[in-house]
């Protein structure tokens, strides 16, 4: 399906994303992994973006469905350095794997929220919470552009290959800034462009849903974070993708591969860090 995502209204793009992730949740409920291209394209090859993100000791004890539903591009819970007693919010929490891992890290005195707009994913996540016996977890329905929490409600915001799917990333970052406490940390995994990427790649909705066409340039990501008030901004590459990494699973999914060599080493998974200044420290 070749539609220019830039021509879609935000509401229409949101519905495309909602439908795709709803399909992924239903796939997991049938006992099949959704982890194929960040948008669950349905292929069988080993996806270089979503594969091998979590160590076996991390997923031990988690419901199988939480692991099967993992559609991320990183492991923000391992990189965010969560502490006992902290309150964490996962933007676009999907089947709940990062929320459940966060809940373990913050302990009984902490709290882990998951926010998702897809009913099927929320139902799957809540069932995974029940199976895991996680009492310090709460899943919220809503959009990451309008977080249903009050100002200064959380210590840490994480996200795993979701912000790139938003049509209004500046609003997402501004909302993240609003709900963080002064001194709070923004610690997300996301797909980021390292250089100019041909427009024909960005015009494929399936690639958008697969975490590529929605990605920001690194410089743009840094600029938007600074504009909404964040400081201590850092973008750390965690995986840099080669053209050959992508070709096989794109072909298997029936997606266009023409020009894929033009993105060689220009797309990376990255850990994006920033901090909300302490009160009185200025923006």
Protein backbone atom coordinates (compact mmCIF):
# COMPACT_ATOMS: atom_id res chain seq x y z
CA UNK A 1 0.00 0.00 0.00
CA UNK A 2 1.78 3.14 -1.20
CA UNK A 3 0.18 6.19 0.36
CA UNK A 4 2.10 9.26 1.34
CA UNK A 5 1.74 9.49 5.15
CA UNK A 6 2.44 13.20 4.88
CA UNK A 7 -0.87 13.61 3.00
CA UNK A 8 -2.91 11.85 5.69
CA UNK A 9 -4.70 13.83 8.35
CA UNK A 10 -3.35 13.00 11.84
CA UNK A 11 -6.65 11.33 12.71
CA UNK A 12 -6.50 9.13 9.62
CA UNK A 13 -2.91 8.12 10.30
CA UNK A 14 -3.84 7.38 13.91
CA UNK A 15 -6.56 5.00 12.71
CA UNK A 16 -4.07 3.21 10.43
CA UNK A 17 -1.76 2.73 13.42
CA UNK A 18 -4.64 1.67 15.68
CA UNK A 19 -5.83 -0.93 13.17
CA UNK A 20 -2.34 -2.33 12.65
CA UNK A 21 -1.61 -2.70 16.36
CA UNK A 22 -5.05 -4.13 17.01
CA UNK A 23 -4.27 -6.78 14.42
CA UNK A 24 -0.96 -7.46 16.16
CA UNK A 25 -2.71 -7.96 19.51
CA UNK A 26 -5.19 -10.41 18.00
CA UNK A 27 -2.31 -12.31 16.39
CA UNK A 28 -0.66 -12.72 19.79
CA UNK A 29 -3.91 -13.87 21.37
CA UNK A 30 -3.86 -16.69 18.79
CA UNK A 31 -0.42 -17.71 20.02
CA UNK A 32 1.72 -16.21 17.24
CA UNK A 33 4.49 -13.63 17.64
CA UNK A 34 3.72 -10.10 16.47
CA UNK A 35 7.41 -9.13 16.41
CA UNK A 36 8.09 -8.44 12.78
CA UNK A 37 8.87 -4.90 11.75
CA UNK A 38 7.68 -2.54 14.47
CA UNK A 39 4.19 -2.67 13.01
CA UNK A 40 3.77 -6.46 12.89
CA UNK A 41 3.92 -6.85 9.13
CA UNK A 42 3.35 -10.58 9.43
CA UNK A 43 6.58 -11.92 7.97
CA UNK A 44 8.49 -14.92 9.25
CA UNK A 45 12.11 -13.83 8.82
CA UNK A 46 14.23 -12.58 11.69
CA UNK A 47 13.54 -8.86 11.84
CA UNK A 48 16.71 -6.84 12.51
CA UNK A 49 14.75 -4.12 14.33
CA UNK A 50 12.72 -6.12 16.84
CA UNK A 51 14.81 -9.25 17.40
CA UNK A 52 16.98 -10.07 20.41
CA UNK A 53 16.10 -6.99 22.47
CA UNK A 54 15.62 -8.70 25.84
CA UNK A 55 17.86 -11.10 27.71
CA UNK A 56 16.33 -14.42 28.75
CA UNK A 57 16.69 -13.58 32.43
CA UNK A 58 14.65 -10.41 31.90
CA UNK A 59 11.69 -12.17 30.30
CA UNK A 60 11.77 -15.15 32.66
CA UNK A 61 8.50 -15.25 34.56
CA UNK A 62 6.67 -12.92 32.20
CA UNK A 63 3.53 -14.16 30.41
CA UNK A 64 4.41 -15.57 26.99
CA UNK A 65 1.91 -13.21 25.38
CA UNK A 66 3.77 -10.16 26.72
CA UNK A 67 6.94 -11.36 25.02
CA UNK A 68 5.15 -12.32 21.79
CA UNK A 69 3.58 -8.86 21.60
CA UNK A 70 6.88 -7.00 21.85
CA UNK A 71 7.06 -4.62 18.87
CA UNK A 72 9.82 -2.33 20.03
CA UNK A 73 13.22 -1.34 18.68
CA UNK A 74 15.13 -1.31 21.96
CA UNK A 75 15.04 -2.08 25.66
CA UNK A 76 14.35 1.21 27.45
CA UNK A 77 13.77 -0.45 30.81
CA UNK A 78 17.37 -1.66 30.88
CA UNK A 79 18.83 1.68 29.77
CA UNK A 80 16.65 4.02 31.84
CA UNK A 81 18.29 3.06 35.16
CA UNK A 82 14.98 2.85 37.01
CA UNK A 83 15.13 3.10 40.78
CA UNK A 84 13.09 1.65 43.64
CA UNK A 85 10.02 3.74 44.41
CA UNK A 86 9.91 5.66 41.11
CA UNK A 87 6.79 6.22 39.03
CA UNK A 88 7.24 5.28 35.37
CA UNK A 89 5.04 5.91 32.32
CA UNK A 90 5.40 3.88 29.11
CA UNK A 91 4.05 5.73 26.05
CA UNK A 92 2.44 3.24 23.66
CA UNK A 93 2.71 0.28 26.01
CA UNK A 94 1.28 -2.38 23.68
CA UNK A 95 1.15 -5.83 25.26
CA UNK A 96 2.84 -4.51 28.39
CA UNK A 97 6.32 -6.06 28.37
CA UNK A 98 8.14 -2.82 29.24
CA UNK A 99 5.56 -1.88 31.87
CA UNK A 100 5.91 -5.25 33.58
CA UNK A 101 9.70 -5.05 33.47
CA UNK A 102 9.55 -1.49 34.85
CA UNK A 103 7.24 -2.61 37.65
CA UNK A 104 9.85 -5.14 38.75
CA UNK A 105 12.57 -2.48 38.78
CA UNK A 106 10.64 0.16 40.75
CA UNK A 107 9.36 -2.35 43.29
CA UNK A 108 6.25 -2.40 45.44
CA UNK A 109 6.70 1.23 46.50
CA UNK A 110 6.87 2.36 42.87
CA UNK A 111 4.28 2.48 40.09
CA UNK A 112 4.33 1.65 36.39
CA UNK A 113 1.74 3.13 34.03
CA UNK A 114 1.16 2.00 30.48
CA UNK A 115 -0.64 4.23 27.98
CA UNK A 116 -2.12 2.85 24.76
CA UNK A 117 -4.93 3.87 22.41
CA UNK A 118 -5.73 0.37 21.09
CA UNK A 119 -8.47 -1.58 22.88
CA UNK A 120 -7.11 -4.97 21.80
CA UNK A 121 -3.63 -4.14 23.09
CA UNK A 122 -5.03 -2.81 26.38
CA UNK A 123 -7.04 -6.00 26.87
CA UNK A 124 -3.94 -8.08 26.15
CA UNK A 125 -1.78 -5.97 28.49
CA UNK A 126 -4.28 -6.18 31.35
CA UNK A 127 -4.48 -9.95 30.95
CA UNK A 128 -0.68 -10.11 31.00
CA UNK A 129 -0.71 -7.98 34.17
CA UNK A 130 -3.15 -10.42 35.75
CA UNK A 131 -1.01 -13.42 34.80
CA UNK A 132 2.13 -11.71 36.11
CA UNK A 133 0.42 -10.75 39.38
CA UNK A 134 1.73 -7.18 39.02
CA UNK A 135 -0.12 -5.01 41.53
CA UNK A 136 1.90 -1.82 40.99
CA UNK A 137 0.79 -1.51 37.34
CA UNK A 138 -2.01 0.47 35.72
CA UNK A 139 -2.88 0.58 32.03
CA UNK A 140 -4.55 3.74 30.72
CA UNK A 141 -6.43 4.31 27.49
CA UNK A 142 -5.42 7.43 25.63
CA UNK A 143 -3.21 9.01 23.00
CA UNK A 144 0.42 9.95 23.55
CA UNK A 145 -0.37 13.44 22.23
CA UNK A 146 -2.77 13.96 25.17
CA UNK A 147 -1.54 11.99 28.18
CA UNK A 148 -4.37 11.41 30.72
CA UNK A 149 -2.26 12.24 33.78
CA UNK A 150 -1.81 15.49 35.70
CA UNK A 151 1.22 17.73 35.54
CA UNK A 152 4.36 16.48 37.33
CA UNK A 153 2.93 13.01 37.90
CA UNK A 154 5.85 10.72 36.96
CA UNK A 155 9.59 10.39 37.51
CA UNK A 156 10.49 8.66 34.25
CA UNK A 157 8.96 8.38 30.79
CA UNK A 158 9.92 5.43 28.61
CA UNK A 159 8.71 4.39 25.17
CA UNK A 160 9.71 1.72 22.69
CA UNK A 161 9.48 2.53 18.99
CA UNK A 162 6.21 4.47 19.32
CA UNK A 163 6.93 8.21 19.23
CA UNK A 164 8.03 7.89 15.60
CA UNK A 165 4.48 6.75 14.75
CA UNK A 166 2.91 10.03 15.89
CA UNK A 167 1.95 12.68 13.34
CA UNK A 168 2.64 15.41 15.95
CA UNK A 169 5.89 14.53 17.68
CA UNK A 170 6.35 18.01 19.13
CA UNK A 171 3.04 17.63 20.99
CA UNK A 172 4.10 14.22 22.29
CA UNK A 173 7.35 15.65 23.65
CA UNK A 174 5.55 18.65 25.17
CA UNK A 175 3.12 16.30 26.92
CA UNK A 176 6.01 14.20 28.18
CA UNK A 177 7.60 17.36 29.60
CA UNK A 178 4.30 18.36 31.26
CA UNK A 179 3.71 15.11 33.13
CA UNK A 180 7.31 14.68 34.29
CA UNK A 181 8.26 15.94 37.72
CA UNK A 182 11.02 18.57 37.87
CA UNK A 183 14.25 16.64 37.47
CA UNK A 184 12.34 13.81 35.79
CA UNK A 185 13.89 11.74 33.01
CA UNK A 186 12.85 11.13 29.40
CA UNK A 187 14.40 7.78 28.41
CA UNK A 188 13.01 6.26 25.22
CA UNK A 189 14.06 3.86 22.51
CA UNK A 190 13.18 5.08 19.03
CA UNK A 191 14.16 4.79 15.38
CA UNK A 192 16.13 7.82 14.23
CA UNK A 193 17.54 8.90 10.86
CA UNK A 194 21.27 9.60 10.76
CA UNK A 195 21.17 11.40 7.41
CA UNK A 196 18.93 12.33 4.49
CA UNK A 197 16.52 9.57 3.47
CA UNK A 198 14.82 9.49 0.04
CA UNK A 199 11.22 10.68 0.00
CA UNK A 200 10.07 7.51 -1.79
CA UNK A 201 10.95 5.53 1.34
CA UNK A 202 8.94 7.88 3.52
CA UNK A 203 5.90 7.58 1.27
CA UNK A 204 5.23 3.95 2.11
CA UNK A 205 2.64 3.63 4.89
CA UNK A 206 3.78 0.10 5.68
CA UNK A 207 7.28 1.42 6.34
CA UNK A 208 5.77 4.16 8.49
CA UNK A 209 3.99 1.59 10.57
CA UNK A 210 7.21 -0.42 10.55
CA UNK A 211 9.04 2.39 12.38
CA UNK A 212 11.05 3.78 9.47
CA UNK A 213 9.14 6.48 7.61
CA UNK A 214 7.95 8.14 10.79
CA UNK A 215 11.42 8.58 12.22
CA UNK A 216 12.95 11.99 12.92
CA UNK A 217 16.40 13.16 11.94
CA UNK A 218 18.68 13.12 14.99
CA UNK A 219 19.15 16.90 14.82
CA UNK A 220 15.39 17.45 14.61
CA UNK A 221 14.79 15.18 17.62
CA UNK A 222 17.31 17.16 19.64
CA UNK A 223 15.79 20.46 18.51
CA UNK A 224 12.23 19.50 19.44
CA UNK A 225 13.27 18.23 22.86
CA UNK A 226 15.06 21.50 23.56
CA UNK A 227 12.15 23.59 22.28
CA UNK A 228 9.66 22.04 24.71
CA UNK A 229 12.03 22.61 27.63
CA UNK A 230 14.25 19.54 28.05
CA UNK A 231 17.94 19.70 28.88
CA UNK A 232 20.78 17.17 29.10
CA UNK A 233 19.75 15.78 25.70
CA UNK A 234 21.63 12.78 24.32
CA UNK A 235 21.03 10.38 21.42
CA UNK A 236 22.95 7.11 21.77
CA UNK A 237 22.90 4.62 18.85
CA UNK A 238 22.01 1.08 19.92
CA UNK A 239 21.71 -0.52 16.45
CA UNK A 240 22.67 0.85 13.04
CA UNK A 241 20.93 -0.86 10.12
CA UNK A 242 22.44 -1.97 6.84
CA UNK A 243 20.46 -2.24 3.61
CA UNK A 244 20.87 -6.02 3.56
CA UNK A 245 19.35 -6.22 7.07
CA UNK A 246 16.06 -4.88 5.75
CA UNK A 247 15.77 -6.39 2.27
CA UNK A 248 14.78 -9.95 3.23
CA UNK A 249 11.94 -9.14 5.59
CA UNK A 250 10.62 -6.38 3.31
CA UNK A 251 10.50 -8.81 0.40
CA UNK A 252 8.82 -11.50 2.47
CA UNK A 253 6.16 -9.03 3.57
CA UNK A 254 5.51 -8.02 -0.03
CA UNK A 255 6.79 -4.49 0.58
CA UNK A 256 8.69 -2.33 -1.90
CA UNK A 257 12.47 -2.75 -1.77
CA UNK A 258 13.47 -0.39 -4.58
CA UNK A 259 15.93 2.14 -3.23
CA UNK A 260 16.56 0.26 0.02
CA UNK A 261 20.31 0.58 -0.56
CA UNK A 262 19.91 4.35 -0.20
CA UNK A 263 19.17 3.97 3.52
CA UNK A 264 22.28 1.92 4.27
CA UNK A 265 23.55 2.97 7.73
CA UNK A 266 21.21 5.97 7.73
CA UNK A 267 18.63 4.41 10.05
CA UNK A 268 19.39 3.51 13.64
CA UNK A 269 17.68 2.41 16.79
CA UNK A 270 18.73 4.85 19.47
CA UNK A 271 18.29 5.53 23.15
CA UNK A 272 17.12 9.12 23.49
CA UNK A 273 17.72 10.74 26.88
CA UNK A 274 16.70 14.12 28.26
CA UNK A 275 15.84 15.65 31.62
CA UNK A 276 13.23 18.15 32.79
CA UNK A 277 15.07 20.91 34.67
CA UNK A 278 14.56 21.21 38.40
CA UNK A 279 12.05 23.82 39.52
CA UNK A 280 13.61 27.27 39.39
CA UNK A 281 16.40 26.13 37.07
CA UNK A 282 14.79 27.73 34.02
CA UNK A 283 13.77 26.12 30.77
